[in-house]
Amino acid sequence: SAPCRALDIGTGTGLLSLMLAQQCRVMTDAIEIDRDACEQAMENVAHS
């Protein structure tokens, strides 16, 4: 579908942002308060 902008609050592993990206051209800001989880989400996104 047409691009849009999304906000993922408490992304954790990045799961929801990744599932959404697979289906839509959505630009997502994924926010995570825990540093370890955030760094893991960054790695998951980088390897996707």
ModelCIF file with pLDDT and N, C-alpha, C, O atoms, coordinates in Angstrom:
data_MODEL
#
_entry.id   MODEL 
#
_entity.id                         1 
_entity.type                       polymer 
_entity.pdbx_number_of_molecules   1 
#
_entity_poly.entity_id                      1 
_entity_poly.type                           'polypeptide(L)' 
_entity_poly.nstd_linkage                   no 
_entity_poly.nstd_monomer                   no 
_entity_poly.pdbx_seq_one_letter_code       SAPCRALDIGTGTGLLSLMLAQQCRVMTDAIEIDRDACEQAMENVAHS 
_entity_poly.pdbx_seq_one_letter_code_can   SAPCRALDIGTGTGLLSLMLAQQCRVMTDAIEIDRDACEQAMENVAHS 
_entity_poly.pdbx_strand_id                 A 
#
loop_
_entity_poly_seq.entity_id 
_entity_poly_seq.num 
_entity_poly_seq.mon_id 
_entity_poly_seq.hetero 
1 1  SER n 
1 2  ALA n 
1 3  PRO n 
1 4  CYS n 
1 5  ARG n 
1 6  ALA n 
1 7  LEU n 
1 8  ASP n 
1 9  ILE n 
1 10 GLY n 
1 11 THR n 
1 12 GLY n 
1 13 THR n 
1 14 GLY n 
1 15 LEU n 
1 16 LEU n 
1 17 SER n 
1 18 LEU n 
1 19 MET n 
1 20 LEU n 
1 21 ALA n 
1 22 GLN n 
1 23 GLN n 
1 24 CYS n 
1 25 ARG n 
1 26 VAL n 
1 27 MET n 
1 28 THR n 
1 29 ASP n 
1 30 ALA n 
1 31 ILE n 
1 32 GLU n 
1 33 ILE n 
1 34 ASP n 
1 35 ARG n 
1 36 ASP n 
1 37 ALA n 
1 38 CYS n 
1 39 GLU n 
1 40 GLN n 
1 41 ALA n 
1 42 MET n 
1 43 GLU n 
1 44 ASN n 
1 45 VAL n 
1 46 ALA n 
1 47 HIS n 
1 48 SER n 
#
_struct_asym.id          A 
_struct_asym.entity_id   1 
#
loop_
_ma_qa_metric.id 
_ma_qa_metric.mode 
_ma_qa_metric.name 
_ma_qa_metric.software_group_id 
_ma_qa_metric.type 
1 global pLDDT . pLDDT 
2 local  pLDDT . pLDDT 
#
_ma_qa_metric_global.metric_id      1 
_ma_qa_metric_global.metric_value   93.96 
_ma_qa_metric_global.model_id       1 
_ma_qa_metric_global.ordinal_id     1 
#
loop_
_ma_qa_metric_local.label_asym_id 
_ma_qa_metric_local.label_comp_id 
_ma_qa_metric_local.label_seq_id 
_ma_qa_metric_local.metric_id 
_ma_qa_metric_local.metric_value 
_ma_qa_metric_local.model_id 
_ma_qa_metric_local.ordinal_id 
A SER 1  2 53.00 1 1  
A ALA 2  2 58.00 1 2  
A PRO 3  2 62.00 1 3  
A CYS 4  2 90.00 1 4  
A ARG 5  2 95.00 1 5  
A ALA 6  2 96.00 1 6  
A LEU 7  2 97.00 1 7  
A ASP 8  2 98.00 1 8  
A ILE 9  2 97.00 1 9  
A GLY 10 2 96.00 1 10 
A THR 11 2 97.00 1 11 
A GLY 12 2 96.00 1 12 
A THR 13 2 97.00 1 13 
A GLY 14 2 97.00 1 14 
A LEU 15 2 98.00 1 15 
A LEU 16 2 98.00 1 16 
A SER 17 2 98.00 1 17 
A LEU 18 2 98.00 1 18 
A MET 19 2 98.00 1 19 
A LEU 20 2 97.00 1 20 
A ALA 21 2 97.00 1 21 
A GLN 22 2 96.00 1 22 
A GLN 23 2 94.00 1 23 
A CYS 24 2 92.00 1 24 
A ARG 25 2 90.00 1 25 
A VAL 26 2 93.00 1 26 
A MET 27 2 96.00 1 27 
A THR 28 2 97.00 1 28 
A ASP 29 2 97.00 1 29 
A ALA 30 2 97.00 1 30 
A ILE 31 2 97.00 1 31 
A GLU 32 2 96.00 1 32 
A ILE 33 2 95.00 1 33 
A ASP 34 2 95.00 1 34 
A ARG 35 2 96.00 1 35 
A ASP 36 2 96.00 1 36 
A ALA 37 2 96.00 1 37 
A CYS 38 2 97.00 1 38 
A GLU 39 2 97.00 1 39 
A GLN 40 2 97.00 1 40 
A ALA 41 2 97.00 1 41 
A MET 42 2 98.00 1 42 
A GLU 43 2 98.00 1 43 
A ASN 44 2 98.00 1 44 
A VAL 45 2 98.00 1 45 
A ALA 46 2 98.00 1 46 
A HIS 47 2 98.00 1 47 
A SER 48 2 98.00 1 48 
#
loop_
_atom_site.group_PDB 
_atom_site.id 
_atom_site.type_symbol 
_atom_site.label_atom_id 
_atom_site.label_alt_id 
_atom_site.label_comp_id 
_atom_site.label_asym_id 
_atom_site.label_entity_id 
_atom_site.label_seq_id 
_atom_site.pdbx_PDB_ins_code 
_atom_site.Cartn_x 
_atom_site.Cartn_y 
_atom_site.Cartn_z 
_atom_site.occupancy 
_atom_site.B_iso_or_equiv 
_atom_site.pdbx_formal_charge 
_atom_site.auth_seq_id 
_atom_site.auth_comp_id 
_atom_site.auth_asym_id 
_atom_site.auth_atom_id 
_atom_site.pdbx_PDB_model_num 
ATOM 1   N N  . SER A 1 1  ? 0.835  -1.192 0.000  1.00 53.00 ? 1  SER A N  1 
ATOM 2   C CA . SER A 1 1  ? 0.000  0.000  0.000  1.00 53.00 ? 1  SER A CA 1 
ATOM 3   C C  . SER A 1 1  ? 0.873  1.246  0.000  1.00 53.00 ? 1  SER A C  1 
ATOM 4   O O  . SER A 1 1  ? 2.099  1.161  0.071  1.00 53.00 ? 1  SER A O  1 
ATOM 5   N N  . ALA A 1 2  ? 0.229  2.397  -0.080 1.00 58.00 ? 2  ALA A N  1 
ATOM 6   C CA . ALA A 1 2  ? 0.958  3.666  -0.106 1.00 58.00 ? 2  ALA A CA 1 
ATOM 7   C C  . ALA A 1 2  ? 1.755  3.853  1.177  1.00 58.00 ? 2  ALA A C  1 
ATOM 8   O O  . ALA A 1 2  ? 1.338  3.387  2.238  1.00 58.00 ? 2  ALA A O  1 
ATOM 9   N N  . PRO A 1 3  ? 2.903  4.534  1.091  1.00 62.00 ? 3  PRO A N  1 
ATOM 10  C CA . PRO A 1 3  ? 3.743  4.722  2.285  1.00 62.00 ? 3  PRO A CA 1 
ATOM 11  C C  . PRO A 1 3  ? 3.024  5.519  3.367  1.00 62.00 ? 3  PRO A C  1 
ATOM 12  O O  . PRO A 1 3  ? 2.179  6.366  3.077  1.00 62.00 ? 3  PRO A O  1 
ATOM 13  N N  . CYS A 1 4  ? 3.371  5.233  4.612  1.00 90.00 ? 4  CYS A N  1 
ATOM 14  C CA . CYS A 1 4  ? 2.892  6.028  5.733  1.00 90.00 ? 4  CYS A CA 1 
ATOM 15  C C  . CYS A 1 4  ? 3.924  5.931  6.845  1.00 90.00 ? 4  CYS A C  1 
ATOM 16  O O  . CYS A 1 4  ? 4.892  5.179  6.730  1.00 90.00 ? 4  CYS A O  1 
ATOM 17  N N  . ARG A 1 5  ? 3.728  6.679  7.912  1.00 95.00 ? 5  ARG A N  1 
ATOM 18  C CA . ARG A 1 5  ? 4.674  6.709  9.018  1.00 95.00 ? 5  ARG A CA 1 
ATOM 19  C C  . ARG A 1 5  ? 4.021  6.083  10.246 1.00 95.00 ? 5  ARG A C  1 
ATOM 20  O O  . ARG A 1 5  ? 2.881  6.395  10.591 1.00 95.00 ? 5  ARG A O  1 
ATOM 21  N N  . ALA A 1 6  ? 4.779  5.184  10.903 1.00 96.00 ? 6  ALA A N  1 
ATOM 22  C CA . ALA A 1 6  ? 4.249  4.461  12.058 1.00 96.00 ? 6  ALA A CA 1 
ATOM 23  C C  . ALA A 1 6  ? 5.140  4.685  13.275 1.00 96.00 ? 6  ALA A C  1 
ATOM 24  O O  . ALA A 1 6  ? 6.337  4.945  13.152 1.00 96.00 ? 6  ALA A O  1 
ATOM 25  N N  . LEU A 1 7  ? 4.525  4.579  14.458 1.00 97.00 ? 7  LEU A N  1 
ATOM 26  C CA . LEU A 1 7  ? 5.226  4.641  15.737 1.00 97.00 ? 7  LEU A CA 1 
ATOM 27  C C  . LEU A 1 7  ? 4.958  3.349  16.484 1.00 97.00 ? 7  LEU A C  1 
ATOM 28  O O  . LEU A 1 7  ? 3.806  3.016  16.765 1.00 97.00 ? 7  LEU A O  1 
ATOM 29  N N  . ASP A 1 8  ? 6.029  2.612  16.810 1.00 98.00 ? 8  ASP A N  1 
ATOM 30  C CA . ASP A 1 8  ? 5.935  1.363  17.559 1.00 98.00 ? 8  ASP A CA 1 
ATOM 31  C C  . ASP A 1 8  ? 6.422  1.637  18.973 1.00 98.00 ? 8  ASP A C  1 
ATOM 32  O O  . ASP A 1 8  ? 7.617  1.830  19.195 1.00 98.00 ? 8  ASP A O  1 
ATOM 33  N N  . ILE A 1 9  ? 5.500  1.656  19.930 1.00 97.00 ? 9  ILE A N  1 
ATOM 34  C CA . ILE A 1 9  ? 5.822  2.005  21.316 1.00 97.00 ? 9  ILE A CA 1 
ATOM 35  C C  . ILE A 1 9  ? 6.177  0.752  22.102 1.00 97.00 ? 9  ILE A C  1 
ATOM 36  O O  . ILE A 1 9  ? 5.337  -0.129 22.284 1.00 97.00 ? 9  ILE A O  1 
ATOM 37  N N  . GLY A 1 10 ? 7.429  0.669  22.571 1.00 96.00 ? 10 GLY A N  1 
ATOM 38  C CA . GLY A 1 10 ? 7.898  -0.507 23.290 1.00 96.00 ? 10 GLY A CA 1 
ATOM 39  C C  . GLY A 1 10 ? 8.153  -1.654 22.342 1.00 96.00 ? 10 GLY A C  1 
ATOM 40  O O  . GLY A 1 10 ? 7.541  -2.715 22.467 1.00 96.00 ? 10 GLY A O  1 
ATOM 41  N N  . THR A 1 11 ? 9.055  -1.452 21.392 1.00 97.00 ? 11 THR A N  1 
ATOM 42  C CA . THR A 1 11 ? 9.210  -2.410 20.297 1.00 97.00 ? 11 THR A CA 1 
ATOM 43  C C  . THR A 1 11 ? 9.788  -3.752 20.721 1.00 97.00 ? 11 THR A C  1 
ATOM 44  O O  . THR A 1 11 ? 9.573  -4.751 20.035 1.00 97.00 ? 11 THR A O  1 
ATOM 45  N N  . GLY A 1 12 ? 10.532 -3.802 21.858 1.00 96.00 ? 12 GLY A N  1 
ATOM 46  C CA . GLY A 1 12 ? 11.110 -5.073 22.288 1.00 96.00 ? 12 GLY A CA 1 
ATOM 47  C C  . GLY A 1 12 ? 12.092 -5.605 21.259 1.00 96.00 ? 12 GLY A C  1 
ATOM 48  O O  . GLY A 1 12 ? 13.087 -4.947 20.956 1.00 96.00 ? 12 GLY A O  1 
ATOM 49  N N  . THR A 1 13 ? 11.827 -6.780 20.721 1.00 97.00 ? 13 THR A N  1 
ATOM 50  C CA . THR A 1 13 ? 12.687 -7.397 19.706 1.00 97.00 ? 13 THR A CA 1 
ATOM 51  C C  . THR A 1 13 ? 12.585 -6.721 18.347 1.00 97.00 ? 13 THR A C  1 
ATOM 52  O O  . THR A 1 13 ? 13.403 -6.974 17.462 1.00 97.00 ? 13 THR A O  1 
ATOM 53  N N  . GLY A 1 14 ? 11.577 -5.857 18.176 1.00 97.00 ? 14 GLY A N  1 
ATOM 54  C CA . GLY A 1 14 ? 11.306 -5.268 16.869 1.00 97.00 ? 14 GLY A CA 1 
ATOM 55  C C  . GLY A 1 14 ? 10.302 -6.059 16.064 1.00 97.00 ? 14 GLY A C  1 
ATOM 56  O O  . GLY A 1 14 ? 10.085 -5.767 14.888 1.00 97.00 ? 14 GLY A O  1 
ATOM 57  N N  . LEU A 1 15 ? 9.679  -7.067 16.681 1.00 98.00 ? 15 LEU A N  1 
ATOM 58  C CA . LEU A 1 15 ? 8.794  -7.985 15.973 1.00 98.00 ? 15 LEU A CA 1 
ATOM 59  C C  . LEU A 1 15 ? 7.702  -7.289 15.175 1.00 98.00 ? 15 LEU A C  1 
ATOM 60  O O  . LEU A 1 15 ? 7.567  -7.533 13.976 1.00 98.00 ? 15 LEU A O  1 
ATOM 61  N N  . LEU A 1 16 ? 6.919  -6.426 15.820 1.00 98.00 ? 16 LEU A N  1 
ATOM 62  C CA . LEU A 1 16 ? 5.783  -5.813 15.129 1.00 98.00 ? 16 LEU A CA 1 
ATOM 63  C C  . LEU A 1 16 ? 6.240  -4.940 13.972 1.00 98.00 ? 16 LEU A C  1 
ATOM 64  O O  . LEU A 1 16 ? 5.632  -4.958 12.902 1.00 98.00 ? 16 LEU A O  1 
ATOM 65  N N  . SER A 1 17 ? 7.305  -4.176 14.179 1.00 98.00 ? 17 SER A N  1 
ATOM 66  C CA . SER A 1 17 ? 7.822  -3.317 13.107 1.00 98.00 ? 17 SER A CA 1 
ATOM 67  C C  . SER A 1 17 ? 8.283  -4.144 11.921 1.00 98.00 ? 17 SER A C  1 
ATOM 68  O O  . SER A 1 17 ? 8.071  -3.760 10.770 1.00 98.00 ? 17 SER A O  1 
ATOM 69  N N  . LEU A 1 18 ? 8.912  -5.277 12.198 1.00 98.00 ? 18 LEU A N  1 
ATOM 70  C CA . LEU A 1 18 ? 9.390  -6.147 11.122 1.00 98.00 ? 18 LEU A CA 1 
ATOM 71  C C  . LEU A 1 18 ? 8.229  -6.796 10.374 1.00 98.00 ? 18 LEU A C  1 
ATOM 72  O O  . LEU A 1 18 ? 8.254  -6.884 9.147  1.00 98.00 ? 18 LEU A O  1 
ATOM 73  N N  . MET A 1 19 ? 7.219  -7.249 11.103 1.00 98.00 ? 19 MET A N  1 
ATOM 74  C CA . MET A 1 19 ? 6.056  -7.855 10.452 1.00 98.00 ? 19 MET A CA 1 
ATOM 75  C C  . MET A 1 19 ? 5.335  -6.844 9.578  1.00 98.00 ? 19 MET A C  1 
ATOM 76  O O  . MET A 1 19 ? 4.875  -7.175 8.486  1.00 98.00 ? 19 MET A O  1 
ATOM 77  N N  . LEU A 1 20 ? 5.237  -5.613 10.059 1.00 97.00 ? 20 LEU A N  1 
ATOM 78  C CA . LEU A 1 20 ? 4.597  -4.566 9.274  1.00 97.00 ? 20 LEU A CA 1 
ATOM 79  C C  . LEU A 1 20 ? 5.418  -4.220 8.040  1.00 97.00 ? 20 LEU A C  1 
ATOM 80  O O  . LEU A 1 20 ? 4.868  -4.027 6.956  1.00 97.00 ? 20 LEU A O  1 
ATOM 81  N N  . ALA A 1 21 ? 6.740  -4.142 8.206  1.00 97.00 ? 21 ALA A N  1 
ATOM 82  C CA . ALA A 1 21 ? 7.611  -3.803 7.075  1.00 97.00 ? 21 ALA A CA 1 
ATOM 83  C C  . ALA A 1 21 ? 7.546  -4.859 5.981  1.00 97.00 ? 21 ALA A C  1 
ATOM 84  O O  . ALA A 1 21 ? 7.691  -4.530 4.803  1.00 97.00 ? 21 ALA A O  1 
ATOM 85  N N  . GLN A 1 22 ? 7.331  -6.111 6.341  1.00 96.00 ? 22 GLN A N  1 
ATOM 86  C CA . GLN A 1 22 ? 7.250  -7.163 5.326  1.00 96.00 ? 22 GLN A CA 1 
ATOM 87  C C  . GLN A 1 22 ? 6.088  -6.940 4.378  1.00 96.00 ? 22 GLN A C  1 
ATOM 88  O O  . GLN A 1 22 ? 6.169  -7.293 3.202  1.00 96.00 ? 22 GLN A O  1 
ATOM 89  N N  . GLN A 1 23 ? 5.012  -6.360 4.877  1.00 94.00 ? 23 GLN A N  1 
ATOM 90  C CA . GLN A 1 23 ? 3.800  -6.222 4.073  1.00 94.00 ? 23 GLN A CA 1 
ATOM 91  C C  . GLN A 1 23 ? 3.584  -4.826 3.500  1.00 94.00 ? 23 GLN A C  1 
ATOM 92  O O  . GLN A 1 23 ? 2.902  -4.679 2.486  1.00 94.00 ? 23 GLN A O  1 
ATOM 93  N N  . CYS A 1 24 ? 4.154  -3.796 4.133  1.00 92.00 ? 24 CYS A N  1 
ATOM 94  C CA . CYS A 1 24 ? 3.853  -2.418 3.728  1.00 92.00 ? 24 CYS A CA 1 
ATOM 95  C C  . CYS A 1 24 ? 5.118  -1.572 3.639  1.00 92.00 ? 24 CYS A C  1 
ATOM 96  O O  . CYS A 1 24 ? 6.104  -1.836 4.327  1.00 92.00 ? 24 CYS A O  1 
ATOM 97  N N  . ARG A 1 25 ? 5.080  -0.577 2.803  1.00 90.00 ? 25 ARG A N  1 
ATOM 98  C CA . ARG A 1 25 ? 6.178  0.387  2.726  1.00 90.00 ? 25 ARG A CA 1 
ATOM 99  C C  . ARG A 1 25 ? 5.980  1.458  3.795  1.00 90.00 ? 25 ARG A C  1 
ATOM 100 O O  . ARG A 1 25 ? 5.799  2.633  3.476  1.00 90.00 ? 25 ARG A O  1 
ATOM 101 N N  . VAL A 1 26 ? 6.015  1.057  5.040  1.00 93.00 ? 26 VAL A N  1 
ATOM 102 C CA . VAL A 1 26 ? 5.808  1.956  6.166  1.00 93.00 ? 26 VAL A CA 1 
ATOM 103 C C  . VAL A 1 26 ? 7.157  2.342  6.757  1.00 93.00 ? 26 VAL A C  1 
ATOM 104 O O  . VAL A 1 26 ? 8.017  1.483  6.951  1.00 93.00 ? 26 VAL A O  1 
ATOM 105 N N  . MET A 1 27 ? 7.347  3.608  7.040  1.00 96.00 ? 27 MET A N  1 
ATOM 106 C CA . MET A 1 27 ? 8.539  4.093  7.739  1.00 96.00 ? 27 MET A CA 1 
ATOM 107 C C  . MET A 1 27 ? 8.203  4.140  9.221  1.00 96.00 ? 27 MET A C  1 
ATOM 108 O O  . MET A 1 27 ? 7.323  4.894  9.638  1.00 96.00 ? 27 MET A O  1 
ATOM 109 N N  . THR A 1 28 ? 8.896  3.343  10.012 1.00 97.00 ? 28 THR A N  1 
ATOM 110 C CA . THR A 1 28 ? 8.533  3.163  11.417 1.00 97.00 ? 28 THR A CA 1 
ATOM 111 C C  . THR A 1 28 ? 9.617  3.684  12.349 1.00 97.00 ? 28 THR A C  1 
ATOM 112 O O  . THR A 1 28 ? 10.802 3.411  12.158 1.00 97.00 ? 28 THR A O  1 
ATOM 113 N N  . ASP A 1 29 ? 9.191  4.445  13.367 1.00 97.00 ? 29 ASP A N  1 
ATOM 114 C CA . ASP A 1 29 ? 10.042 4.779  14.506 1.00 97.00 ? 29 ASP A CA 1 
ATOM 115 C C  . ASP A 1 29 ? 9.683  3.797  15.609 1.00 97.00 ? 29 ASP A C  1 
ATOM 116 O O  . ASP A 1 29 ? 8.560  3.801  16.114 1.00 97.00 ? 29 ASP A O  1 
ATOM 117 N N  . ALA A 1 30 ? 10.653 2.944  15.984 1.00 97.00 ? 30 ALA A N  1 
ATOM 118 C CA . ALA A 1 30 ? 10.421 1.902  16.984 1.00 97.00 ? 30 ALA A CA 1 
ATOM 119 C C  . ALA A 1 30 ? 11.153 2.277  18.265 1.00 97.00 ? 30 ALA A C  1 
ATOM 120 O O  . ALA A 1 30 ? 12.384 2.307  18.286 1.00 97.00 ? 30 ALA A O  1 
ATOM 121 N N  . ILE A 1 31 ? 10.413 2.562  19.333 1.00 97.00 ? 31 ILE A N  1 
ATOM 122 C CA . ILE A 1 31 ? 10.972 3.080  20.583 1.00 97.00 ? 31 ILE A CA 1 
ATOM 123 C C  . ILE A 1 31 ? 11.062 1.966  21.611 1.00 97.00 ? 31 ILE A C  1 
ATOM 124 O O  . ILE A 1 31 ? 10.110 1.207  21.791 1.00 97.00 ? 31 ILE A O  1 
ATOM 125 N N  . GLU A 1 32 ? 12.206 1.862  22.290 1.00 96.00 ? 32 GLU A N  1 
ATOM 126 C CA . GLU A 1 32 ? 12.392 0.852  23.330 1.00 96.00 ? 32 GLU A CA 1 
ATOM 127 C C  . GLU A 1 32 ? 13.210 1.438  24.472 1.00 96.00 ? 32 GLU A C  1 
ATOM 128 O O  . GLU A 1 32 ? 14.272 2.018  24.245 1.00 96.00 ? 32 GLU A O  1 
ATOM 129 N N  . ILE A 1 33 ? 12.713 1.288  25.713 1.00 95.00 ? 33 ILE A N  1 
ATOM 130 C CA . ILE A 1 33 ? 13.362 1.889  26.878 1.00 95.00 ? 33 ILE A CA 1 
ATOM 131 C C  . ILE A 1 33 ? 14.522 1.044  27.409 1.00 95.00 ? 33 ILE A C  1 
ATOM 132 O O  . ILE A 1 33 ? 15.471 1.590  27.971 1.00 95.00 ? 33 ILE A O  1 
ATOM 133 N N  . ASP A 1 34 ? 14.461 -0.276 27.239 1.00 95.00 ? 34 ASP A N  1 
ATOM 134 C CA . ASP A 1 34 ? 15.520 -1.147 27.738 1.00 95.00 ? 34 ASP A CA 1 
ATOM 135 C C  . ASP A 1 34 ? 16.674 -1.195 26.738 1.00 95.00 ? 34 ASP A C  1 
ATOM 136 O O  . ASP A 1 34 ? 16.468 -1.509 25.565 1.00 95.00 ? 34 ASP A O  1 
ATOM 137 N N  . ARG A 1 35 ? 17.883 -0.886 27.196 1.00 96.00 ? 35 ARG A N  1 
ATOM 138 C CA . ARG A 1 35 ? 19.016 -0.778 26.264 1.00 96.00 ? 35 ARG A CA 1 
ATOM 139 C C  . ARG A 1 35 ? 19.332 -2.093 25.577 1.00 96.00 ? 35 ARG A C  1 
ATOM 140 O O  . ARG A 1 35 ? 19.554 -2.115 24.366 1.00 96.00 ? 35 ARG A O  1 
ATOM 141 N N  . ASP A 1 36 ? 19.359 -3.206 26.333 1.00 96.00 ? 36 ASP A N  1 
ATOM 142 C CA . ASP A 1 36 ? 19.681 -4.490 25.721 1.00 96.00 ? 36 ASP A CA 1 
ATOM 143 C C  . ASP A 1 36 ? 18.657 -4.872 24.653 1.00 96.00 ? 36 ASP A C  1 
ATOM 144 O O  . ASP A 1 36 ? 19.018 -5.307 23.560 1.00 96.00 ? 36 ASP A O  1 
ATOM 145 N N  . ALA A 1 37 ? 17.387 -4.703 24.982 1.00 96.00 ? 37 ALA A N  1 
ATOM 146 C CA . ALA A 1 37 ? 16.344 -5.017 24.010 1.00 96.00 ? 37 ALA A CA 1 
ATOM 147 C C  . ALA A 1 37 ? 16.453 -4.111 22.793 1.00 96.00 ? 37 ALA A C  1 
ATOM 148 O O  . ALA A 1 37 ? 16.284 -4.559 21.659 1.00 96.00 ? 37 ALA A O  1 
ATOM 149 N N  . CYS A 1 38 ? 16.736 -2.838 23.031 1.00 97.00 ? 38 CYS A N  1 
ATOM 150 C CA . CYS A 1 38 ? 16.870 -1.886 21.936 1.00 97.00 ? 38 CYS A CA 1 
ATOM 151 C C  . CYS A 1 38 ? 18.011 -2.282 21.000 1.00 97.00 ? 38 CYS A C  1 
ATOM 152 O O  . CYS A 1 38 ? 17.859 -2.262 19.778 1.00 97.00 ? 38 CYS A O  1 
ATOM 153 N N  . GLU A 1 39 ? 19.146 -2.640 21.580 1.00 97.00 ? 39 GLU A N  1 
ATOM 154 C CA . GLU A 1 39 ? 20.287 -3.034 20.756 1.00 97.00 ? 39 GLU A CA 1 
ATOM 155 C C  . GLU A 1 39 ? 19.991 -4.310 19.982 1.00 97.00 ? 39 GLU A C  1 
ATOM 156 O O  . GLU A 1 39 ? 20.426 -4.467 18.841 1.00 97.00 ? 39 GLU A O  1 
ATOM 157 N N  . GLN A 1 40 ? 19.247 -5.226 20.607 1.00 97.00 ? 40 GLN A N  1 
ATOM 158 C CA . GLN A 1 40 ? 18.872 -6.451 19.895 1.00 97.00 ? 40 GLN A CA 1 
ATOM 159 C C  . GLN A 1 40 ? 17.898 -6.141 18.761 1.00 97.00 ? 40 GLN A C  1 
ATOM 160 O O  . GLN A 1 40 ? 18.002 -6.716 17.678 1.00 97.00 ? 40 GLN A O  1 
ATOM 161 N N  . ALA A 1 41 ? 16.954 -5.235 19.007 1.00 97.00 ? 41 ALA A N  1 
ATOM 162 C CA . ALA A 1 41 ? 16.035 -4.827 17.943 1.00 97.00 ? 41 ALA A CA 1 
ATOM 163 C C  . ALA A 1 41 ? 16.791 -4.184 16.785 1.00 97.00 ? 41 ALA A C  1 
ATOM 164 O O  . ALA A 1 41 ? 16.474 -4.426 15.621 1.00 97.00 ? 41 ALA A O  1 
ATOM 165 N N  . MET A 1 42 ? 17.789 -3.366 17.106 1.00 98.00 ? 42 MET A N  1 
ATOM 166 C CA . MET A 1 42 ? 18.612 -2.750 16.064 1.00 98.00 ? 42 MET A CA 1 
ATOM 167 C C  . MET A 1 42 ? 19.296 -3.819 15.213 1.00 98.00 ? 42 MET A C  1 
ATOM 168 O O  . MET A 1 42 ? 19.349 -3.710 13.988 1.00 98.00 ? 42 MET A O  1 
ATOM 169 N N  . GLU A 1 43 ? 19.820 -4.858 15.878 1.00 98.00 ? 43 GLU A N  1 
ATOM 170 C CA . GLU A 1 43 ? 20.474 -5.943 15.149 1.00 98.00 ? 43 GLU A CA 1 
ATOM 171 C C  . GLU A 1 43 ? 19.471 -6.706 14.291 1.00 98.00 ? 43 GLU A C  1 
ATOM 172 O O  . GLU A 1 43 ? 19.768 -7.051 13.147 1.00 98.00 ? 43 GLU A O  1 
ATOM 173 N N  . ASN A 1 44 ? 18.292 -6.969 14.834 1.00 98.00 ? 44 ASN A N  1 
ATOM 174 C CA . ASN A 1 44 ? 17.265 -7.682 14.060 1.00 98.00 ? 44 ASN A CA 1 
ATOM 175 C C  . ASN A 1 44 ? 16.855 -6.897 12.826 1.00 98.00 ? 44 ASN A C  1 
ATOM 176 O O  . ASN A 1 44 ? 16.670 -7.467 11.751 1.00 98.00 ? 44 ASN A O  1 
ATOM 177 N N  . VAL A 1 45 ? 16.714 -5.599 12.982 1.00 98.00 ? 45 VAL A N  1 
ATOM 178 C CA . VAL A 1 45 ? 16.357 -4.749 11.844 1.00 98.00 ? 45 VAL A CA 1 
ATOM 179 C C  . VAL A 1 45 ? 17.488 -4.701 10.828 1.00 98.00 ? 45 VAL A C  1 
ATOM 180 O O  . VAL A 1 45 ? 17.254 -4.802 9.624  1.00 98.00 ? 45 VAL A O  1 
ATOM 181 N N  . ALA A 1 46 ? 18.723 -4.545 11.321 1.00 98.00 ? 46 ALA A N  1 
ATOM 182 C CA . ALA A 1 46 ? 19.877 -4.442 10.423 1.00 98.00 ? 46 ALA A CA 1 
ATOM 183 C C  . ALA A 1 46 ? 20.050 -5.688 9.570  1.00 98.00 ? 46 ALA A C  1 
ATOM 184 O O  . ALA A 1 46 ? 20.511 -5.597 8.432  1.00 98.00 ? 46 ALA A O  1 
ATOM 185 N N  . HIS A 1 47 ? 19.685 -6.859 10.105 1.00 98.00 ? 47 HIS A N  1 
ATOM 186 C CA . HIS A 1 47 ? 19.838 -8.113 9.378  1.00 98.00 ? 47 HIS A CA 1 
ATOM 187 C C  . HIS A 1 47 ? 18.578 -8.507 8.607  1.00 98.00 ? 47 HIS A C  1 
ATOM 188 O O  . HIS A 1 47 ? 18.529 -9.579 8.004  1.00 98.00 ? 47 HIS A O  1 
ATOM 189 N N  . SER A 1 48 ? 17.575 -7.658 8.623  1.00 98.00 ? 48 SER A N  1 
ATOM 190 C CA . SER A 1 48 ? 16.334 -7.924 7.901  1.00 98.00 ? 48 SER A CA 1 
ATOM 191 C C  . SER A 1 48 ? 16.410 -7.324 6.496  1.00 98.00 ? 48 SER A C  1 
ATOM 192 O O  . SER A 1 48 ? 15.459 -7.439 5.723  1.00 98.00 ? 48 SER A O  1 
#
